[in-house]
N, C-alpha and C. Protein backbone atom coordinates (compact mmCIF):
# COMPACT_ATOMS: atom_id res chain seq x y z
N MET A 1 0.85 -1.18 0.00
CA MET A 1 0.00 0.00 0.00
C MET A 1 0.90 1.24 0.00
N LYS A 2 0.63 2.14 -0.93
CA LYS A 2 1.41 3.38 -0.97
C LYS A 2 1.01 4.26 0.21
N GLU A 3 1.98 5.05 0.68
CA GLU A 3 1.67 5.91 1.82
C GLU A 3 2.34 7.27 1.69
N LEU A 4 1.66 8.22 2.33
CA LEU A 4 2.17 9.59 2.43
C LEU A 4 2.34 9.86 3.92
N ASP A 5 3.55 10.17 4.33
CA ASP A 5 3.83 10.49 5.72
C ASP A 5 3.90 12.01 5.86
N LEU A 6 2.96 12.58 6.62
CA LEU A 6 2.89 14.03 6.75
C LEU A 6 3.74 14.59 7.88
N HIS A 7 4.51 13.75 8.55
CA HIS A 7 5.44 14.26 9.55
C HIS A 7 6.43 15.20 8.86
N GLY A 8 6.60 16.38 9.41
CA GLY A 8 7.53 17.35 8.85
C GLY A 8 6.88 18.35 7.92
N TYR A 9 5.62 18.14 7.57
CA TYR A 9 4.90 19.09 6.73
C TYR A 9 4.24 20.16 7.60
N PHE A 10 4.18 21.37 7.08
CA PHE A 10 3.46 22.44 7.75
C PHE A 10 1.98 22.35 7.38
N HIS A 11 1.13 22.86 8.24
CA HIS A 11 -0.32 22.78 8.02
C HIS A 11 -0.73 23.40 6.68
N HIS A 12 -0.08 24.48 6.30
CA HIS A 12 -0.48 25.13 5.04
C HIS A 12 -0.10 24.30 3.80
N GLN A 13 0.70 23.26 3.97
CA GLN A 13 1.11 22.42 2.85
C GLN A 13 0.22 21.18 2.67
N VAL A 14 -0.59 20.89 3.67
CA VAL A 14 -1.29 19.62 3.72
C VAL A 14 -2.28 19.43 2.58
N GLN A 15 -3.13 20.38 2.32
CA GLN A 15 -4.16 20.20 1.31
C GLN A 15 -3.56 19.85 -0.05
N LEU A 16 -2.59 20.61 -0.49
CA LEU A 16 -1.97 20.36 -1.79
C LEU A 16 -1.27 19.00 -1.83
N GLU A 17 -0.55 18.66 -0.78
CA GLU A 17 0.18 17.38 -0.73
C GLU A 17 -0.78 16.20 -0.77
N VAL A 18 -1.86 16.28 0.01
CA VAL A 18 -2.83 15.19 0.05
C VAL A 18 -3.54 15.06 -1.29
N GLU A 19 -3.98 16.17 -1.85
CA GLU A 19 -4.65 16.12 -3.16
C GLU A 19 -3.74 15.51 -4.21
N ASN A 20 -2.51 15.96 -4.29
CA ASN A 20 -1.56 15.41 -5.27
C ASN A 20 -1.35 13.92 -5.07
N PHE A 21 -1.13 13.52 -3.84
CA PHE A 21 -0.88 12.12 -3.53
C PHE A 21 -2.07 11.25 -3.92
N VAL A 22 -3.25 11.65 -3.52
CA VAL A 22 -4.44 10.82 -3.78
C VAL A 22 -4.78 10.78 -5.26
N PHE A 23 -4.76 11.93 -5.92
CA PHE A 23 -5.10 11.93 -7.35
C PHE A 23 -4.05 11.20 -8.19
N LEU A 24 -2.79 11.34 -7.87
CA LEU A 24 -1.74 10.65 -8.64
C LEU A 24 -1.75 9.14 -8.42
N ASN A 25 -2.28 8.69 -7.28
CA ASN A 25 -2.25 7.27 -6.95
C ASN A 25 -3.65 6.67 -6.84
N SER A 26 -4.65 7.32 -7.39
CA SER A 26 -6.04 6.88 -7.22
C SER A 26 -6.33 5.52 -7.87
N LYS A 27 -5.49 5.07 -8.75
CA LYS A 27 -5.68 3.74 -9.36
C LYS A 27 -5.08 2.63 -8.51
N GLU A 28 -4.43 3.01 -7.42
CA GLU A 28 -3.76 2.03 -6.56
C GLU A 28 -4.34 2.02 -5.15
N LEU A 29 -5.63 2.28 -5.03
CA LEU A 29 -6.29 2.30 -3.73
C LEU A 29 -6.30 0.92 -3.12
N PRO A 30 -6.26 0.80 -1.81
CA PRO A 30 -6.27 1.85 -0.81
C PRO A 30 -4.90 2.50 -0.64
N LEU A 31 -4.92 3.70 -0.05
CA LEU A 31 -3.71 4.47 0.23
C LEU A 31 -3.66 4.80 1.72
N ARG A 32 -2.46 4.91 2.25
CA ARG A 32 -2.30 5.25 3.67
C ARG A 32 -1.72 6.65 3.78
N ILE A 33 -2.35 7.47 4.63
CA ILE A 33 -1.82 8.79 4.95
C ILE A 33 -1.52 8.80 6.44
N ILE A 34 -0.26 9.00 6.76
CA ILE A 34 0.16 9.02 8.16
C ILE A 34 0.06 10.45 8.67
N ILE A 35 -0.77 10.64 9.69
CA ILE A 35 -1.03 11.98 10.20
C ILE A 35 -0.45 12.22 11.59
N GLY A 36 -0.07 11.16 12.27
CA GLY A 36 0.45 11.32 13.62
C GLY A 36 -0.65 11.66 14.61
N ARG A 37 -0.28 12.36 15.68
CA ARG A 37 -1.22 12.63 16.76
C ARG A 37 -1.86 14.01 16.70
N SER A 38 -1.58 14.76 15.68
CA SER A 38 -2.07 16.13 15.58
C SER A 38 -3.55 16.15 15.16
N GLU A 39 -4.38 16.70 16.01
CA GLU A 39 -5.80 16.85 15.70
C GLU A 39 -6.00 17.80 14.52
N MET A 40 -5.19 18.84 14.45
CA MET A 40 -5.28 19.79 13.35
C MET A 40 -4.94 19.11 12.02
N MET A 41 -3.91 18.27 12.02
CA MET A 41 -3.52 17.55 10.81
C MET A 41 -4.66 16.62 10.38
N ARG A 42 -5.25 15.92 11.33
CA ARG A 42 -6.38 15.04 11.02
C ARG A 42 -7.52 15.83 10.38
N ASN A 43 -7.86 16.98 10.97
CA ASN A 43 -8.94 17.81 10.44
C ASN A 43 -8.65 18.29 9.03
N LEU A 44 -7.42 18.69 8.78
CA LEU A 44 -7.04 19.16 7.45
C LEU A 44 -7.13 18.05 6.40
N VAL A 45 -6.65 16.88 6.76
CA VAL A 45 -6.70 15.75 5.82
C VAL A 45 -8.14 15.33 5.56
N GLU A 46 -8.93 15.23 6.63
CA GLU A 46 -10.33 14.84 6.45
C GLU A 46 -11.07 15.86 5.59
N PHE A 47 -10.85 17.14 5.83
CA PHE A 47 -11.49 18.19 5.03
C PHE A 47 -11.11 18.05 3.56
N THR A 48 -9.83 17.81 3.30
CA THR A 48 -9.35 17.66 1.92
C THR A 48 -9.99 16.45 1.24
N LEU A 49 -10.04 15.33 1.95
CA LEU A 49 -10.64 14.13 1.36
C LEU A 49 -12.13 14.30 1.11
N LYS A 50 -12.83 14.89 2.08
CA LYS A 50 -14.27 15.12 1.91
C LYS A 50 -14.54 16.09 0.77
N SER A 51 -13.74 17.12 0.65
CA SER A 51 -13.91 18.12 -0.41
C SER A 51 -13.76 17.52 -1.80
N ASN A 52 -12.99 16.45 -1.89
CA ASN A 52 -12.75 15.80 -3.17
C ASN A 52 -13.52 14.48 -3.31
N ASN A 53 -14.49 14.27 -2.43
CA ASN A 53 -15.38 13.10 -2.48
C ASN A 53 -14.66 11.76 -2.38
N PHE A 54 -13.60 11.70 -1.60
CA PHE A 54 -12.93 10.43 -1.34
C PHE A 54 -13.46 9.85 -0.04
N SER A 55 -13.66 8.55 -0.02
CA SER A 55 -14.06 7.91 1.22
C SER A 55 -12.80 7.40 1.92
N TYR A 56 -12.87 7.34 3.22
CA TYR A 56 -11.69 6.97 4.01
C TYR A 56 -12.11 6.31 5.31
N ASN A 57 -11.14 5.75 5.97
CA ASN A 57 -11.36 5.08 7.25
C ASN A 57 -10.20 5.42 8.17
N ILE A 58 -10.50 5.62 9.44
CA ILE A 58 -9.46 5.81 10.45
C ILE A 58 -9.44 4.54 11.31
N PRO A 59 -8.40 3.74 11.19
CA PRO A 59 -8.37 2.47 11.93
C PRO A 59 -8.42 2.68 13.44
N VAL A 60 -9.21 1.87 14.12
CA VAL A 60 -9.32 1.96 15.57
C VAL A 60 -7.98 1.64 16.23
N HIS A 61 -7.26 0.70 15.68
CA HIS A 61 -5.98 0.29 16.26
C HIS A 61 -4.85 1.30 16.04
N ASN A 62 -5.04 2.24 15.08
CA ASN A 62 -4.00 3.23 14.82
C ASN A 62 -4.65 4.55 14.34
N PRO A 63 -5.07 5.40 15.28
CA PRO A 63 -5.72 6.65 14.88
C PRO A 63 -4.74 7.67 14.30
N GLY A 64 -3.48 7.31 14.16
CA GLY A 64 -2.49 8.20 13.57
C GLY A 64 -2.36 8.04 12.06
N GLU A 65 -3.31 7.32 11.46
CA GLU A 65 -3.29 7.16 10.02
C GLU A 65 -4.72 7.20 9.48
N ILE A 66 -4.82 7.52 8.22
CA ILE A 66 -6.10 7.52 7.51
C ILE A 66 -5.91 6.65 6.26
N ILE A 67 -6.84 5.75 6.04
CA ILE A 67 -6.80 4.88 4.87
C ILE A 67 -7.82 5.42 3.86
N VAL A 68 -7.34 5.79 2.69
CA VAL A 68 -8.21 6.27 1.62
C VAL A 68 -8.72 5.05 0.86
N LEU A 69 -10.04 4.92 0.79
CA LEU A 69 -10.65 3.73 0.21
C LEU A 69 -11.10 3.92 -1.23
N SER A 70 -11.69 5.04 -1.53
CA SER A 70 -12.18 5.29 -2.90
C SER A 70 -12.41 6.77 -3.11
C-alpha cells in the first residue's frame, strides 16, 4: 500500500500534498496517509478528502493514520 507520511509538513502544505498524492495514486487504492497525533492535521486531511469526495477510514488500532478507500 502506498503511503504519504505528513510528519515534517506544515499545516499550510497539507491540502496540496494530500490532493496530489491521492489523485496521482487513485488507481492504486487503498492508500495510507500518516497523520500522527495532531488533531489539526487530522482535520485538514479529512477536510481535503471530503472536499474531493474520497471515502476513508481511520483504523481503531491506529488513529495516527487515515486509509483512503475510494
